Every structure is written in structure tokens, then in C-alpha cells.
């Protein structure tokens, strides 16, 4: 069964910030390419929701968080079986301190 992809407000804002950063620094074409690459990577989860590794820094949370790597970013997600969807909760820049991954208390 194919699951739906759901982007939380926080994750959408992070994706928008990534776009704005690349648009300002290197231009529109690169910004679009980066965001499109991330969103295309996420589409793999529809058919294979368990392909991401478990996120050990979020192991204390109620949900089982996993992540996909795309360039310098971790796309953090969990499988919401009740809603039959994959919830993308964060797009985390791996060049930051790993402890900052816990900054989003919404999950």
C-alpha cells in the first residue's frame, strides 16, 4: 500500500529556508535543483517507508524517527500508520551540530 507524503509546517519552512539560501548565494537554478532533489528523494518513501535509517538522536521520542540523506541534509520522518502517511518533520543541515536536531519540539 502506497502511503501519502505529509510535510509539517516546520519541515516546509526548513525547505523554504534552504531554497532562499541557495537562491541568494548561488542563484535560482541551483536553489530549484536542490529543493527538487530533496523532494524527489522523499518520494521513494511512498513505496518503501522503512528505507531510512533510525535517527539515534531522536530515540527518546514516542515515534520511531528515521532519516534519508540528500546532499548535506537529513530528511527526518516517521510513519504515521493511523493516518496512512509519512510525516516529514524536518530537513536538517548535517553541517550543524548534531545536537541541534532536537530543536523541533513539535515532534
PDB file of N, CA and C in Angstrom:
ATOM      1  N   UNK A   1       0.838  -1.178   0.000  1.00  0.00           N
ATOM      2  CA  UNK A   1       0.000   0.000   0.000  1.00  0.00           C
ATOM      3  C   UNK A   1       0.885   1.244   0.000  1.00  0.00           C
ATOM      4  N   UNK A   2       0.601   2.134  -0.903  1.00  0.00           N
ATOM      5  CA  UNK A   2       1.359   3.367  -1.010  1.00  0.00           C
ATOM      6  C   UNK A   2       0.863   4.369   0.028  1.00  0.00           C
ATOM      7  N   UNK A   3       1.805   4.955   0.740  1.00  0.00           N
ATOM      8  CA  UNK A   3       1.482   5.954   1.746  1.00  0.00           C
ATOM      9  C   UNK A   3       1.578   7.352   1.146  1.00  0.00           C
ATOM     10  N   UNK A   4       0.868   8.287   1.733  1.00  0.00           N
ATOM     11  CA  UNK A   4       0.945   9.679   1.311  1.00  0.00           C
ATOM     12  C   UNK A   4       2.118  10.349   2.012  1.00  0.00           C
ATOM     13  N   UNK A   5       2.640  11.378   1.404  1.00  0.00           N
ATOM     14  CA  UNK A   5       3.712  12.180   1.990  1.00  0.00           C
ATOM     15  C   UNK A   5       3.073  13.437   2.580  1.00  0.00           C
ATOM     16  N   UNK A   6       3.377  13.702   3.834  1.00  0.00           N
ATOM     17  CA  UNK A   6       2.855  14.888   4.508  1.00  0.00           C
ATOM     18  C   UNK A   6       4.031  15.692   5.057  1.00  0.00           C
ATOM     19  N   UNK A   7       4.141  16.952   4.651  1.00  0.00           N
ATOM     20  CA  UNK A   7       5.191  17.850   5.127  1.00  0.00           C
ATOM     21  C   UNK A   7       4.604  18.705   6.242  1.00  0.00           C
ATOM     22  N   UNK A   8       5.204  18.662   7.427  1.00  0.00           N
ATOM     23  CA  UNK A   8       4.751  19.524   8.520  1.00  0.00           C
ATOM     24  C   UNK A   8       5.109  20.972   8.200  1.00  0.00           C
ATOM     25  N   UNK A   9       4.505  21.890   8.933  1.00  0.00           N
ATOM     26  CA  UNK A   9       4.832  23.303   8.746  1.00  0.00           C
ATOM     27  C   UNK A   9       6.318  23.545   8.978  1.00  0.00           C
ATOM     28  N   UNK A  10       6.871  22.918  10.014  1.00  0.00           N
ATOM     29  CA  UNK A  10       8.281  23.099  10.331  1.00  0.00           C
ATOM     30  C   UNK A  10       9.160  22.636   9.171  1.00  0.00           C
ATOM     31  N   UNK A  11       8.856  21.467   8.625  1.00  0.00           N
ATOM     32  CA  UNK A  11       9.683  20.937   7.535  1.00  0.00           C
ATOM     33  C   UNK A  11       9.541  21.784   6.270  1.00  0.00           C
ATOM     34  N   UNK A  12       8.341  22.283   6.008  1.00  0.00           N
ATOM     35  CA  UNK A  12       8.147  23.159   4.844  1.00  0.00           C
ATOM     36  C   UNK A  12       8.942  24.454   5.011  1.00  0.00           C
ATOM     37  N   UNK A  13       8.948  24.985   6.233  1.00  0.00           N
ATOM     38  CA  UNK A  13       9.722  26.204   6.489  1.00  0.00           C
ATOM     39  C   UNK A  13      11.217  25.965   6.313  1.00  0.00           C
ATOM     40  N   UNK A  14      11.699  24.806   6.742  1.00  0.00           N
ATOM     41  CA  UNK A  14      13.114  24.476   6.566  1.00  0.00           C
ATOM     42  C   UNK A  14      13.460  24.346   5.083  1.00  0.00           C
ATOM     43  N   UNK A  15      12.585  23.711   4.325  1.00  0.00           N
ATOM     44  CA  UNK A  15      12.797  23.568   2.883  1.00  0.00           C
ATOM     45  C   UNK A  15      12.802  24.942   2.202  1.00  0.00           C
ATOM     46  N   UNK A  16      11.907  25.808   2.629  1.00  0.00           N
ATOM     47  CA  UNK A  16      11.850  27.169   2.092  1.00  0.00           C
ATOM     48  C   UNK A  16      13.136  27.930   2.430  1.00  0.00           C
ATOM     49  N   UNK A  17      13.640  27.746   3.651  1.00  0.00           N
ATOM     50  CA  UNK A  17      14.882  28.413   4.057  1.00  0.00           C
ATOM     51  C   UNK A  17      16.063  27.916   3.214  1.00  0.00           C
ATOM     52  N   UNK A  18      16.077  26.628   2.908  1.00  0.00           N
ATOM     53  CA  UNK A  18      17.126  26.066   2.050  1.00  0.00           C
ATOM     54  C   UNK A  18      17.056  26.706   0.663  1.00  0.00           C
ATOM     55  N   UNK A  19      15.842  26.788   0.122  1.00  0.00           N
ATOM     56  CA  UNK A  19      15.654  27.416  -1.183  1.00  0.00           C
ATOM     57  C   UNK A  19      16.148  28.861  -1.158  1.00  0.00           C
ATOM     58  N   UNK A  20      15.727  29.621  -0.155  1.00  0.00           N
ATOM     59  CA  UNK A  20      16.108  31.033  -0.070  1.00  0.00           C
ATOM     60  C   UNK A  20      17.616  31.194   0.054  1.00  0.00           C
ATOM     61  N   UNK A  21      18.243  30.337   0.823  1.00  0.00           N
ATOM     62  CA  UNK A  21      19.694  30.410   0.996  1.00  0.00           C
ATOM     63  C   UNK A  21      20.412  30.200  -0.344  1.00  0.00           C
ATOM     64  N   UNK A  22      20.073  29.115  -1.023  1.00  0.00           N
ATOM     65  CA  UNK A  22      20.743  28.825  -2.299  1.00  0.00           C
ATOM     66  C   UNK A  22      20.392  29.857  -3.365  1.00  0.00           C
ATOM     67  N   UNK A  23      19.178  30.358  -3.343  1.00  0.00           N
ATOM     68  CA  UNK A  23      18.778  31.383  -4.299  1.00  0.00           C
ATOM     69  C   UNK A  23      19.617  32.642  -4.108  1.00  0.00           C
ATOM     70  N   UNK A  24      19.852  33.010  -2.871  1.00  0.00           N
ATOM     71  CA  UNK A  24      20.631  34.213  -2.573  1.00  0.00           C
ATOM     72  C   UNK A  24      22.119  34.021  -2.865  1.00  0.00           C
ATOM     73  N   UNK A  25      22.651  32.855  -2.517  1.00  0.00           N
ATOM     74  CA  UNK A  25      24.091  32.625  -2.629  1.00  0.00           C
ATOM     75  C   UNK A  25      24.523  32.255  -4.054  1.00  0.00           C
ATOM     76  N   UNK A  26      23.820  31.319  -4.680  1.00  0.00           N
ATOM     77  CA  UNK A  26      24.279  30.837  -5.991  1.00  0.00           C
ATOM     78  C   UNK A  26      23.255  30.963  -7.114  1.00  0.00           C
ATOM     79  N   UNK A  27      22.018  31.318  -6.793  1.00  0.00           N
ATOM     80  CA  UNK A  27      21.054  31.580  -7.851  1.00  0.00           C
ATOM     81  C   UNK A  27      19.846  30.662  -7.860  1.00  0.00           C
ATOM     82  N   UNK A  28      18.876  31.095  -8.629  1.00  0.00           N
ATOM     83  CA  UNK A  28      17.582  30.430  -8.709  1.00  0.00           C
ATOM     84  C   UNK A  28      17.676  29.001  -9.228  1.00  0.00           C
ATOM     85  N   UNK A  29      18.467  28.784 -10.262  1.00  0.00           N
ATOM     86  CA  UNK A  29      18.574  27.449 -10.868  1.00  0.00           C
ATOM     87  C   UNK A  29      19.083  26.422  -9.846  1.00  0.00           C
ATOM     88  N   UNK A  30      20.114  26.780  -9.113  1.00  0.00           N
ATOM     89  CA  UNK A  30      20.671  25.868  -8.113  1.00  0.00           C
ATOM     90  C   UNK A  30      19.701  25.667  -6.954  1.00  0.00           C
ATOM     91  N   UNK A  31      19.022  26.735  -6.547  1.00  0.00           N
ATOM     92  CA  UNK A  31      18.044  26.630  -5.454  1.00  0.00           C
ATOM     93  C   UNK A  31      16.931  25.654  -5.828  1.00  0.00           C
ATOM     94  N   UNK A  32      16.424  25.790  -7.041  1.00  0.00           N
ATOM     95  CA  UNK A  32      15.365  24.875  -7.501  1.00  0.00           C
ATOM     96  C   UNK A  32      15.876  23.431  -7.569  1.00  0.00           C
ATOM     97  N   UNK A  33      17.078  23.275  -8.078  1.00  0.00           N
ATOM     98  CA  UNK A  33      17.658  21.934  -8.210  1.00  0.00           C
ATOM     99  C   UNK A  33      17.828  21.272  -6.838  1.00  0.00           C
ATOM    100  N   UNK A  34      18.283  22.031  -5.854  1.00  0.00           N
ATOM    101  CA  UNK A  34      18.480  21.493  -4.516  1.00  0.00           C
ATOM    102  C   UNK A  34      17.152  21.045  -3.896  1.00  0.00           C
ATOM    103  N   UNK A  35      16.154  21.914  -3.940  1.00  0.00           N
ATOM    104  CA  UNK A  35      14.850  21.594  -3.344  1.00  0.00           C
ATOM    105  C   UNK A  35      14.177  20.455  -4.099  1.00  0.00           C
ATOM    106  N   UNK A  36      14.278  20.454  -5.407  1.00  0.00           N
ATOM    107  CA  UNK A  36      13.700  19.370  -6.202  1.00  0.00           C
ATOM    108  C   UNK A  36      14.385  18.047  -5.879  1.00  0.00           C
ATOM    109  N   UNK A  37      15.691  18.064  -5.694  1.00  0.00           N
ATOM    110  CA  UNK A  37      16.418  16.852  -5.322  1.00  0.00           C
ATOM    111  C   UNK A  37      15.942  16.287  -3.995  1.00  0.00           C
ATOM    112  N   UNK A  38      15.720  17.158  -3.032  1.00  0.00           N
ATOM    113  CA  UNK A  38      15.234  16.721  -1.715  1.00  0.00           C
ATOM    114  C   UNK A  38      13.824  16.148  -1.830  1.00  0.00           C
ATOM    115  N   UNK A  39      12.937  16.857  -2.508  1.00  0.00           N
ATOM    116  CA  UNK A  39      11.551  16.382  -2.604  1.00  0.00           C
ATOM    117  C   UNK A  39      11.453  15.092  -3.422  1.00  0.00           C
ATOM    118  N   UNK A  40      12.281  14.937  -4.443  1.00  0.00           N
ATOM    119  CA  UNK A  40      12.278  13.686  -5.210  1.00  0.00           C
ATOM    120  C   UNK A  40      12.789  12.515  -4.378  1.00  0.00           C
ATOM    121  N   UNK A  41      13.770  12.762  -3.545  1.00  0.00           N
ATOM    122  CA  UNK A  41      14.296  11.718  -2.665  1.00  0.00           C
ATOM    123  C   UNK A  41      13.201  11.222  -1.722  1.00  0.00           C
ATOM    124  N   UNK A  42      12.398  12.133  -1.232  1.00  0.00           N
ATOM    125  CA  UNK A  42      11.312  11.803  -0.305  1.00  0.00           C
ATOM    126  C   UNK A  42      10.266  10.910  -0.971  1.00  0.00           C
ATOM    127  N   UNK A  43      10.061  11.059  -2.268  1.00  0.00           N
ATOM    128  CA  UNK A  43       9.052  10.253  -2.966  1.00  0.00           C
ATOM    129  C   UNK A  43       9.337   8.760  -2.876  1.00  0.00           C
ATOM    130  N   UNK A  44      10.590   8.389  -2.685  1.00  0.00           N
ATOM    131  CA  UNK A  44      10.950   6.969  -2.532  1.00  0.00           C
ATOM    132  C   UNK A  44      10.252   6.344  -1.332  1.00  0.00           C
ATOM    133  N   UNK A  45       9.928   7.169  -0.355  1.00  0.00           N
ATOM    134  CA  UNK A  45       9.321   6.658   0.875  1.00  0.00           C
ATOM    135  C   UNK A  45       7.895   6.151   0.681  1.00  0.00           C
ATOM    136  N   UNK A  46       7.222   6.607  -0.361  1.00  0.00           N
ATOM    137  CA  UNK A  46       5.847   6.175  -0.597  1.00  0.00           C
ATOM    138  C   UNK A  46       5.741   4.652  -0.677  1.00  0.00           C
ATOM    139  N   UNK A  47       6.662   4.042  -1.383  1.00  0.00           N
ATOM    140  CA  UNK A  47       6.631   2.594  -1.575  1.00  0.00           C
ATOM    141  C   UNK A  47       7.531   1.848  -0.602  1.00  0.00           C
ATOM    142  N   UNK A  48       8.530   2.538  -0.060  1.00  0.00           N
ATOM    143  CA  UNK A  48       9.498   1.890   0.829  1.00  0.00           C
ATOM    144  C   UNK A  48       9.735   2.750   2.074  1.00  0.00           C
ATOM    145  N   UNK A  49       8.749   2.849   2.953  1.00  0.00           N
ATOM    146  CA  UNK A  49       8.861   3.763   4.090  1.00  0.00           C
ATOM    147  C   UNK A  49       9.956   3.405   5.098  1.00  0.00           C
ATOM    148  N   UNK A  50      10.436   2.200   5.067  1.00  0.00           N
ATOM    149  CA  UNK A  50      11.441   1.782   6.041  1.00  0.00           C
ATOM    150  C   UNK A  50      12.876   1.904   5.529  1.00  0.00           C
ATOM    151  N   UNK A  51      13.088   2.520   4.359  1.00  0.00           N
ATOM    152  CA  UNK A  51      14.447   2.561   3.808  1.00  0.00           C
ATOM    153  C   UNK A  51      15.380   3.491   4.575  1.00  0.00           C
ATOM    154  N   UNK A  52      14.818   4.447   5.286  1.00  0.00           N
ATOM    155  CA  UNK A  52      15.657   5.360   6.047  1.00  0.00           C
ATOM    156  C   UNK A  52      16.194   4.708   7.311  1.00  0.00           C
ATOM    157  N   UNK A  53      17.358   5.169   7.730  1.00  0.00           N
ATOM    158  CA  UNK A  53      17.942   4.679   8.980  1.00  0.00           C
ATOM    159  C   UNK A  53      17.239   5.323  10.159  1.00  0.00           C
ATOM    160  N   UNK A  54      17.250   4.643  11.293  1.00  0.00           N
ATOM    161  CA  UNK A  54      16.690   5.227  12.519  1.00  0.00           C
ATOM    162  C   UNK A  54      17.559   6.384  12.967  1.00  0.00           C
ATOM    163  N   UNK A  55      16.918   7.433  13.417  1.00  0.00           N
ATOM    164  CA  UNK A  55      17.647   8.606  13.910  1.00  0.00           C
ATOM    165  C   UNK A  55      17.908   8.426  15.403  1.00  0.00           C
ATOM    166  N   UNK A  56      19.136   8.079  15.721  1.00  0.00           N
ATOM    167  CA  UNK A  56      19.517   7.772  17.100  1.00  0.00           C
ATOM    168  C   UNK A  56      19.390   8.979  18.027  1.00  0.00           C
ATOM    169  N   UNK A  57      19.534  10.179  17.506  1.00  0.00           N
ATOM    170  CA  UNK A  57      19.434  11.367  18.350  1.00  0.00           C
ATOM    171  C   UNK A  57      17.994  11.686  18.760  1.00  0.00           C
ATOM    172  N   UNK A  58      17.037  10.996  18.155  1.00  0.00           N
ATOM    173  CA  UNK A  58      15.626  11.195  18.499  1.00  0.00           C
ATOM    174  C   UNK A  58      15.002   9.920  19.055  1.00  0.00           C
ATOM    175  N   UNK A  59      15.830   9.037  19.560  1.00  0.00           N
ATOM    176  CA  UNK A  59      15.360   7.735  20.034  1.00  0.00           C
ATOM    177  C   UNK A  59      14.442   7.858  21.253  1.00  0.00           C
ATOM    178  N   UNK A  60      14.549   8.967  21.976  1.00  0.00           N
ATOM    179  CA  UNK A  60      13.737   9.161  23.180  1.00  0.00           C
ATOM    180  C   UNK A  60      12.312   9.618  22.872  1.00  0.00           C
ATOM    181  N   UNK A  61      11.995   9.852  21.622  1.00  0.00           N
ATOM    182  CA  UNK A  61      10.662  10.327  21.234  1.00  0.00           C
ATOM    183  C   UNK A  61       9.686   9.164  21.110  1.00  0.00           C
ATOM    184  N   UNK A  62       8.419   9.493  21.171  1.00  0.00           N
ATOM    185  CA  UNK A  62       7.366   8.473  21.088  1.00  0.00           C
ATOM    186  C   UNK A  62       7.366   7.767  19.729  1.00  0.00           C
ATOM    187  N   UNK A  63       7.534   8.540  18.652  1.00  0.00           N
ATOM    188  CA  UNK A  63       7.555   7.975  17.309  1.00  0.00           C
ATOM    189  C   UNK A  63       8.947   7.418  17.000  1.00  0.00           C
ATOM    190  N   UNK A  64       8.990   6.514  16.050  1.00  0.00           N
ATOM    191  CA  UNK A  64      10.275   5.997  15.572  1.00  0.00           C
ATOM    192  C   UNK A  64      10.701   6.841  14.380  1.00  0.00           C
ATOM    193  N   UNK A  65      11.598   7.775  14.636  1.00  0.00           N
ATOM    194  CA  UNK A  65      12.063   8.661  13.575  1.00  0.00           C
ATOM    195  C   UNK A  65      13.156   8.005  12.761  1.00  0.00           C
ATOM    196  N   UNK A  66      13.078   8.257  11.470  1.00  0.00           N
ATOM    197  CA  UNK A  66      14.064   7.773  10.517  1.00  0.00           C
ATOM    198  C   UNK A  66      14.522   8.957   9.685  1.00  0.00           C
ATOM    199  N   UNK A  67      15.545   8.726   8.876  1.00  0.00           N
ATOM    200  CA  UNK A  67      16.001   9.809   8.014  1.00  0.00           C
ATOM    201  C   UNK A  67      16.537   9.266   6.705  1.00  0.00           C
ATOM    202  N   UNK A  68      16.451  10.119   5.692  1.00  0.00           N
ATOM    203  CA  UNK A  68      17.086   9.904   4.397  1.00  0.00           C
ATOM    204  C   UNK A  68      18.132  10.985   4.241  1.00  0.00           C
ATOM    205  N   UNK A  69      19.254  10.645   3.658  1.00  0.00           N
ATOM    206  CA  UNK A  69      20.276  11.642   3.356  1.00  0.00           C
ATOM    207  C   UNK A  69      20.103  12.125   1.927  1.00  0.00           C
ATOM    208  N   UNK A  70      20.182  13.423   1.766  1.00  0.00           N
ATOM    209  CA  UNK A  70      20.134  14.031   0.447  1.00  0.00           C
ATOM    210  C   UNK A  70      21.097  15.208   0.467  1.00  0.00           C
ATOM    211  N   UNK A  71      22.223  15.045  -0.215  1.00  0.00           N
ATOM    212  CA  UNK A  71      23.305  16.038  -0.179  1.00  0.00           C
ATOM    213  C   UNK A  71      23.740  16.232   1.271  1.00  0.00           C
ATOM    214  N   UNK A  72      23.662  17.473   1.772  1.00  0.00           N
ATOM    215  CA  UNK A  72      24.067  17.775   3.149  1.00  0.00           C
ATOM    216  C   UNK A  72      22.893  17.780   4.123  1.00  0.00           C
ATOM    217  N   UNK A  73      21.783  17.187   3.735  1.00  0.00           N
ATOM    218  CA  UNK A  73      20.575  17.285   4.535  1.00  0.00           C
ATOM    219  C   UNK A  73      20.041  15.918   4.947  1.00  0.00           C
ATOM    220  N   UNK A  74      19.543  15.872   6.176  1.00  0.00           N
ATOM    221  CA  UNK A  74      18.801  14.714   6.661  1.00  0.00           C
ATOM    222  C   UNK A  74      17.328  15.075   6.592  1.00  0.00           C
ATOM    223  N   UNK A  75      16.565  14.273   5.884  1.00  0.00           N
ATOM    224  CA  UNK A  75      15.120  14.447   5.860  1.00  0.00           C
ATOM    225  C   UNK A  75      14.577  13.522   6.951  1.00  0.00           C
ATOM    226  N   UNK A  76      14.098  14.131   8.032  1.00  0.00           N
ATOM    227  CA  UNK A  76      13.622  13.391   9.197  1.00  0.00           C
ATOM    228  C   UNK A  76      12.135  13.094   9.012  1.00  0.00           C
ATOM    229  N   UNK A  77      11.747  11.846   9.260  1.00  0.00           N
ATOM    230  CA  UNK A  77      10.350  11.455   9.064  1.00  0.00           C
ATOM    231  C   UNK A  77       9.965  10.317  10.000  1.00  0.00           C
ATOM    232  N   UNK A  78       8.668  10.066  10.082  1.00  0.00           N
ATOM    233  CA  UNK A  78       8.158   8.896  10.777  1.00  0.00           C
ATOM    234  C   UNK A  78       6.914   8.425  10.037  1.00  0.00           C
ATOM    235  N   UNK A  79       6.611   7.158  10.186  1.00  0.00           N
ATOM    236  CA  UNK A  79       5.465   6.557   9.506  1.00  0.00           C
ATOM    237  C   UNK A  79       4.265   6.616  10.444  1.00  0.00           C
ATOM    238  N   UNK A  80       3.261   7.381  10.040  1.00  0.00           N
ATOM    239  CA  UNK A  80       2.029   7.510  10.802  1.00  0.00           C
ATOM    240  C   UNK A  80       1.031   6.504  10.225  1.00  0.00           C
ATOM    241  N   UNK A  81       0.987   5.332  10.814  1.00  0.00           N
ATOM    242  CA  UNK A  81       0.142   4.247  10.307  1.00  0.00           C
ATOM    243  C   UNK A  81      -1.341   4.573  10.415  1.00  0.00           C
ATOM    244  N   UNK A  82      -1.736   5.277  11.458  1.00  0.00           N
ATOM    245  CA  UNK A  82      -3.145   5.616  11.638  1.00  0.00           C
ATOM    246  C   UNK A  82      -3.664   6.504  10.508  1.00  0.00           C
ATOM    247  N   UNK A  83      -2.848   7.460  10.093  1.00  0.00           N
ATOM    248  CA  UNK A  83      -3.230   8.382   9.020  1.00  0.00           C
ATOM    249  C   UNK A  83      -2.810   7.875   7.640  1.00  0.00           C
ATOM    250  N   UNK A  84      -2.087   6.760   7.609  1.00  0.00           N
ATOM    251  CA  UNK A  84      -1.571   6.178   6.365  1.00  0.00           C
ATOM    252  C   UNK A  84      -0.732   7.181   5.576  1.00  0.00           C
ATOM    253  N   UNK A  85       0.229   7.755   6.311  1.00  0.00           N
ATOM    254  CA  UNK A  85       1.084   8.739   5.674  1.00  0.00           C
ATOM    255  C   UNK A  85       2.465   8.745   6.317  1.00  0.00           C
ATOM    256  N   UNK A  86       3.389   9.320   5.580  1.00  0.00           N
ATOM    257  CA  UNK A  86       4.744   9.529   6.058  1.00  0.00           C
ATOM    258  C   UNK A  86       4.836  11.005   6.388  1.00  0.00           C
ATOM    259  N   UNK A  87       5.182  11.304   7.622  1.00  0.00           N
ATOM    260  CA  UNK A  87       5.246  12.686   8.064  1.00  0.00           C
ATOM    261  C   UNK A  87       6.694  13.167   8.052  1.00  0.00           C
ATOM    262  N   UNK A  88       6.953  14.099   7.175  1.00  0.00           N
ATOM    263  CA  UNK A  88       8.276  14.728   7.105  1.00  0.00           C
ATOM    264  C   UNK A  88       8.274  15.832   8.160  1.00  0.00           C
ATOM    265  N   UNK A  89       9.121  15.685   9.175  1.00  0.00           N
ATOM    266  CA  UNK A  89       9.103  16.627  10.286  1.00  0.00           C
ATOM    267  C   UNK A  89      10.225  17.650  10.239  1.00  0.00           C
ATOM    268  N   UNK A  90      11.277  17.372   9.486  1.00  0.00           N
ATOM    269  CA  UNK A  90      12.422  18.283   9.470  1.00  0.00           C
ATOM    270  C   UNK A  90      13.295  17.999   8.254  1.00  0.00           C
ATOM    271  N   UNK A  91      13.977  19.025   7.805  1.00  0.00           N
ATOM    272  CA  UNK A  91      15.048  18.882   6.817  1.00  0.00           C
ATOM    273  C   UNK A  91      16.246  19.535   7.492  1.00  0.00           C
ATOM    274  N   UNK A  92      17.137  18.696   8.000  1.00  0.00           N
ATOM    275  CA  UNK A  92      18.207  19.133   8.885  1.00  0.00           C
ATOM    276  C   UNK A  92      19.539  19.196   8.148  1.00  0.00           C
ATOM    277  N   UNK A  93      20.197  20.335   8.226  1.00  0.00           N
ATOM    278  CA  UNK A  93      21.506  20.515   7.610  1.00  0.00           C
ATOM    279  C   UNK A  93      22.551  19.802   8.472  1.00  0.00           C
ATOM    280  N   UNK A  94      23.179  18.787   7.930  1.00  0.00           N
ATOM    281  CA  UNK A  94      24.127  17.968   8.697  1.00  0.00           C
ATOM    282  C   UNK A  94      25.420  18.687   9.019  1.00  0.00           C
ATOM    283  N   UNK A  95      25.609  19.888   8.486  1.00  0.00           N
ATOM    284  CA  UNK A  95      26.807  20.657   8.811  1.00  0.00           C
ATOM    285  C   UNK A  95      26.660  21.392  10.141  1.00  0.00           C
ATOM    286  N   UNK A  96      25.470  21.328  10.717  1.00  0.00           N
ATOM    287  CA  UNK A  96      25.231  21.900  12.041  1.00  0.00           C
ATOM    288  C   UNK A  96      25.651  20.905  13.119  1.00  0.00           C
ATOM    289  N   UNK A  97      25.673  21.378  14.344  1.00  0.00           N
ATOM    290  CA  UNK A  97      25.927  20.483  15.469  1.00  0.00           C
ATOM    291  C   UNK A  97      24.803  19.455  15.529  1.00  0.00           C
ATOM    292  N   UNK A  98      25.116  18.170  15.644  1.00  0.00           N
ATOM    293  CA  UNK A  98      24.083  17.133  15.676  1.00  0.00           C
ATOM    294  C   UNK A  98      23.055  17.328  16.791  1.00  0.00           C
ATOM    295  N   UNK A  99      23.438  17.941  17.877  1.00  0.00           N
ATOM    296  CA  UNK A  99      22.512  18.151  18.993  1.00  0.00           C
ATOM    297  C   UNK A  99      21.350  19.053  18.579  1.00  0.00           C
ATOM    298  N   UNK A 100      21.560  19.919  17.604  1.00  0.00           N
ATOM    299  CA  UNK A 100      20.507  20.824  17.155  1.00  0.00           C
ATOM    300  C   UNK A 100      19.345  20.084  16.494  1.00  0.00           C
ATOM    301  N   UNK A 101      19.524  18.830  16.201  1.00  0.00           N
ATOM    302  CA  UNK A 101      18.446  18.068  15.570  1.00  0.00           C
ATOM    303  C   UNK A 101      17.232  17.973  16.496  1.00  0.00           C
ATOM    304  N   UNK A 102      17.453  18.189  17.765  1.00  0.00           N
ATOM    305  CA  UNK A 102      16.368  18.122  18.744  1.00  0.00           C
ATOM    306  C   UNK A 102      15.660  19.468  18.913  1.00  0.00           C
ATOM    307  N   UNK A 103      15.964  20.438  18.084  1.00  0.00           N
ATOM    308  CA  UNK A 103      15.408  21.775  18.216  1.00  0.00           C
ATOM    309  C   UNK A 103      13.907  21.834  17.981  1.00  0.00           C
ATOM    310  N   UNK A 104      13.388  20.940  17.201  1.00  0.00           N
ATOM    311  CA  UNK A 104      11.962  20.942  16.876  1.00  0.00           C
ATOM    312  C   UNK A 104      11.215  20.124  17.916  1.00  0.00           C
ATOM    313  N   UNK A 105      10.633  20.765  18.873  1.00  0.00           N
ATOM    314  CA  UNK A 105       9.885  20.069  19.929  1.00  0.00           C
ATOM    315  C   UNK A 105       8.492  19.656  19.470  1.00  0.00           C
ATOM    316  N   UNK A 106       8.128  20.020  18.238  1.00  0.00           N
ATOM    317  CA  UNK A 106       6.813  19.655  17.713  1.00  0.00           C
ATOM    318  C   UNK A 106       6.698  18.173  17.404  1.00  0.00           C
ATOM    319  N   UNK A 107       7.811  17.452  17.501  1.00  0.00           N
ATOM    320  CA  UNK A 107       7.754  16.003  17.288  1.00  0.00           C
ATOM    321  C   UNK A 107       8.466  15.279  18.375  1.00  0.00           C
TER     322      UNK A 107
END
